[in-house]
Amino acid sequence: MMHTNKEIAHLWFDAFNAHNLCNLLALYNDNAKHYSPKLKLHQPETNGLIVGKAALSNWWQDSFERLPTLKYEPNFILVDGNKVFFEYIRKVDGQIDSIIAELLVIENGLIIESKVY
């Protein structure tokens, strides 16, 4: 069964907040691109951009290990065709909450690109 783009967004939050790499990666195309300012900060050699599930897995695994209490609390989800834009509150124990926006581009039921703002 193929999920709607809004369902994919909800599955994304569920998987991320459970720190479930398998479920999170299952939402992505094998050659998906991901851009994040945090990537640029923690892995400067990437210039903020990684490609492929192996790179995504490494990035998120590192994040979950460094930040075991990391959770995202969605504020809103907007679906427009093959794009999903959402805003969420990034929560980590001992850190100030921050508001993050992210764009997903979805093709054939899989995320092909994600960009954090």
C-alpha atoms as a PDB file:
ATOM      1  CA  MET A   1       0.000   0.000   0.000  1.00  0.00           C
ATOM      2  CA  MET A   2       1.355   3.407  -0.969  1.00  0.00           C
ATOM      3  CA  HIS A   3       1.027   6.107   1.671  1.00  0.00           C
ATOM      4  CA  THR A   4      -0.200   9.626   1.020  1.00  0.00           C
ATOM      5  CA  ASN A   5       2.404  12.346   1.357  1.00  0.00           C
ATOM      6  CA  LYS A   6       0.808  13.519   4.609  1.00  0.00           C
ATOM      7  CA  GLU A   7       0.977   9.956   5.982  1.00  0.00           C
ATOM      8  CA  ILE A   8       4.660   9.825   5.005  1.00  0.00           C
ATOM      9  CA  ALA A   9       5.249  12.985   7.049  1.00  0.00           C
ATOM     10  CA  HIS A  10       3.568  11.432  10.092  1.00  0.00           C
ATOM     11  CA  LEU A  11       5.513   8.178   9.638  1.00  0.00           C
ATOM     12  CA  TRP A  12       8.700  10.281   9.388  1.00  0.00           C
ATOM     13  CA  PHE A  13       8.014  11.934  12.767  1.00  0.00           C
ATOM     14  CA  ASP A  14       7.094   8.594  14.349  1.00  0.00           C
ATOM     15  CA  ALA A  15      10.290   6.914  13.117  1.00  0.00           C
ATOM     16  CA  PHE A  16      12.512   9.865  13.989  1.00  0.00           C
ATOM     17  CA  ASN A  17      11.130  10.257  17.494  1.00  0.00           C
ATOM     18  CA  ALA A  18      11.498   6.515  18.119  1.00  0.00           C
ATOM     19  CA  HIS A  19      15.081   6.765  16.784  1.00  0.00           C
ATOM     20  CA  ASN A  20      14.096   3.888  14.499  1.00  0.00           C
ATOM     21  CA  LEU A  21      16.620   4.045  11.665  1.00  0.00           C
ATOM     22  CA  CYS A  22      15.092   1.130   9.774  1.00  0.00           C
ATOM     23  CA  ASN A  23      11.632   2.730   9.603  1.00  0.00           C
ATOM     24  CA  LEU A  24      13.079   6.158   8.856  1.00  0.00           C
ATOM     25  CA  LEU A  25      15.278   4.922   6.009  1.00  0.00           C
ATOM     26  CA  ALA A  26      12.382   2.914   4.547  1.00  0.00           C
ATOM     27  CA  LEU A  27      10.721   6.252   3.722  1.00  0.00           C
ATOM     28  CA  TYR A  28      13.654   7.320   1.503  1.00  0.00           C
ATOM     29  CA  ASN A  29      14.715   6.528  -2.042  1.00  0.00           C
ATOM     30  CA  ASP A  30      18.112   4.768  -2.216  1.00  0.00           C
ATOM     31  CA  ASN A  31      19.695   7.873  -3.780  1.00  0.00           C
ATOM     32  CA  ALA A  32      17.917  10.499  -1.686  1.00  0.00           C
ATOM     33  CA  LYS A  33      19.639  13.810  -1.013  1.00  0.00           C
ATOM     34  CA  HIS A  34      19.580  15.491   2.381  1.00  0.00           C
ATOM     35  CA  TYR A  35      20.740  19.008   3.207  1.00  0.00           C
ATOM     36  CA  SER A  36      21.077  20.365   6.733  1.00  0.00           C
ATOM     37  CA  PRO A  37      22.968  23.272   8.325  1.00  0.00           C
ATOM     38  CA  LYS A  38      23.793  20.880  11.212  1.00  0.00           C
ATOM     39  CA  LEU A  39      25.525  18.582   8.717  1.00  0.00           C
ATOM     40  CA  LYS A  40      27.607  21.522   7.554  1.00  0.00           C
ATOM     41  CA  LEU A  41      28.541  22.213  11.174  1.00  0.00           C
ATOM     42  CA  HIS A  42      29.303  18.621  12.259  1.00  0.00           C
ATOM     43  CA  GLN A  43      30.671  17.326   8.933  1.00  0.00           C
ATOM     44  CA  PRO A  44      32.098  20.389   7.143  1.00  0.00           C
ATOM     45  CA  GLU A  45      33.461  18.252   4.304  1.00  0.00           C
ATOM     46  CA  THR A  46      29.861  17.577   3.172  1.00  0.00           C
ATOM     47  CA  ASN A  47      29.073  21.284   2.798  1.00  0.00           C
ATOM     48  CA  GLY A  48      25.751  20.303   4.363  1.00  0.00           C
ATOM     49  CA  LEU A  49      24.703  17.784   1.678  1.00  0.00           C
ATOM     50  CA  ILE A  50      24.697  13.985   1.808  1.00  0.00           C
ATOM     51  CA  VAL A  51      23.402  11.495  -0.755  1.00  0.00           C
ATOM     52  CA  GLY A  52      22.164   7.933  -0.325  1.00  0.00           C
ATOM     53  CA  LYS A  53      20.777   5.776   2.454  1.00  0.00           C
ATOM     54  CA  ALA A  54      24.195   4.798   3.843  1.00  0.00           C
ATOM     55  CA  ALA A  55      25.089   8.470   4.400  1.00  0.00           C
ATOM     56  CA  LEU A  56      21.645   9.176   5.869  1.00  0.00           C
ATOM     57  CA  SER A  57      21.976   6.200   8.197  1.00  0.00           C
ATOM     58  CA  ASN A  58      25.425   7.277   9.388  1.00  0.00           C
ATOM     59  CA  TRP A  59      24.257  10.852   9.973  1.00  0.00           C
ATOM     60  CA  TRP A  60      21.151   9.946  11.944  1.00  0.00           C
ATOM     61  CA  GLN A  61      22.855   7.172  13.897  1.00  0.00           C
ATOM     62  CA  ASP A  62      25.506   9.679  14.966  1.00  0.00           C
ATOM     63  CA  SER A  63      22.806  12.208  15.896  1.00  0.00           C
ATOM     64  CA  PHE A  64      20.828   9.672  17.939  1.00  0.00           C
ATOM     65  CA  GLU A  65      23.987   8.584  19.778  1.00  0.00           C
ATOM     66  CA  ARG A  66      25.114  12.162  20.491  1.00  0.00           C
ATOM     67  CA  LEU A  67      21.597  13.298  21.434  1.00  0.00           C
ATOM     68  CA  PRO A  68      19.707  10.364  22.980  1.00  0.00           C
ATOM     69  CA  THR A  69      16.796  12.607  24.042  1.00  0.00           C
ATOM     70  CA  LEU A  70      16.374  14.246  20.607  1.00  0.00           C
ATOM     71  CA  LYS A  71      12.688  14.586  19.660  1.00  0.00           C
ATOM     72  CA  TYR A  72      10.764  16.611  17.101  1.00  0.00           C
ATOM     73  CA  GLU A  73       7.366  18.034  17.992  1.00  0.00           C
ATOM     74  CA  PRO A  74       5.441  18.978  14.823  1.00  0.00           C
ATOM     75  CA  ASN A  75       3.782  22.398  14.682  1.00  0.00           C
ATOM     76  CA  PHE A  76       2.245  22.013  11.228  1.00  0.00           C
ATOM     77  CA  ILE A  77       2.445  19.923   8.066  1.00  0.00           C
ATOM     78  CA  LEU A  78       1.630  21.407   4.657  1.00  0.00           C
ATOM     79  CA  VAL A  79       1.269  19.168   1.595  1.00  0.00           C
ATOM     80  CA  ASP A  80       1.500  20.691  -1.888  1.00  0.00           C
ATOM     81  CA  GLY A  81       1.647  18.125  -4.689  1.00  0.00           C
ATOM     82  CA  ASN A  82       4.857  16.120  -4.298  1.00  0.00           C
ATOM     83  CA  LYS A  83       6.238  18.448  -1.628  1.00  0.00           C
ATOM     84  CA  VAL A  84       5.673  18.330   2.113  1.00  0.00           C
ATOM     85  CA  PHE A  85       6.752  21.278   4.204  1.00  0.00           C
ATOM     86  CA  PHE A  86       6.674  21.055   7.956  1.00  0.00           C
ATOM     87  CA  GLU A  87       7.743  23.037  10.963  1.00  0.00           C
ATOM     88  CA  TYR A  88       8.702  21.376  14.212  1.00  0.00           C
ATOM     89  CA  ILE A  89      10.233  22.110  17.578  1.00  0.00           C
ATOM     90  CA  ARG A  90      13.594  20.409  18.099  1.00  0.00           C
ATOM     91  CA  LYS A  91      13.822  19.261  21.705  1.00  0.00           C
ATOM     92  CA  VAL A  92      16.905  17.937  23.450  1.00  0.00           C
ATOM     93  CA  ASP A  93      17.251  17.706  27.230  1.00  0.00           C
ATOM     94  CA  GLY A  94      19.569  20.456  28.461  1.00  0.00           C
ATOM     95  CA  GLN A  95      19.326  22.530  25.268  1.00  0.00           C
ATOM     96  CA  ILE A  96      17.081  25.419  24.322  1.00  0.00           C
ATOM     97  CA  ASP A  97      14.217  24.317  22.049  1.00  0.00           C
ATOM     98  CA  SER A  98      14.550  25.498  18.462  1.00  0.00           C
ATOM     99  CA  ILE A  99      12.037  25.862  15.660  1.00  0.00           C
ATOM    100  CA  ILE A 100      13.037  24.030  12.493  1.00  0.00           C
ATOM    101  CA  ALA A 101      11.449  23.947   9.030  1.00  0.00           C
ATOM    102  CA  GLU A 102      12.007  21.098   6.601  1.00  0.00           C
ATOM    103  CA  LEU A 103      10.960  20.338   3.047  1.00  0.00           C
ATOM    104  CA  LEU A 104      10.489  16.817   1.696  1.00  0.00           C
ATOM    105  CA  VAL A 105      10.198  16.056  -2.014  1.00  0.00           C
ATOM    106  CA  ILE A 106       8.400  12.768  -2.635  1.00  0.00           C
ATOM    107  CA  GLU A 107       8.249  10.651  -5.792  1.00  0.00           C
ATOM    108  CA  ASN A 108       6.548   7.270  -6.116  1.00  0.00           C
ATOM    109  CA  GLY A 109       5.901   7.106  -2.384  1.00  0.00           C
ATOM    110  CA  LEU A 110       9.524   7.723  -1.341  1.00  0.00           C
ATOM    111  CA  ILE A 111      11.405  10.814  -0.200  1.00  0.00           C
ATOM    112  CA  ILE A 112      13.941  11.777  -2.853  1.00  0.00           C
ATOM    113  CA  GLU A 113      15.112  14.983  -1.222  1.00  0.00           C
ATOM    114  CA  SER A 114      14.934  16.640   2.172  1.00  0.00           C
ATOM    115  CA  LYS A 115      16.163  20.072   3.101  1.00  0.00           C
ATOM    116  CA  VAL A 116      16.349  21.522   6.598  1.00  0.00           C
ATOM    117  CA  TYR A 117      16.078  25.282   7.046  1.00  0.00           C
END
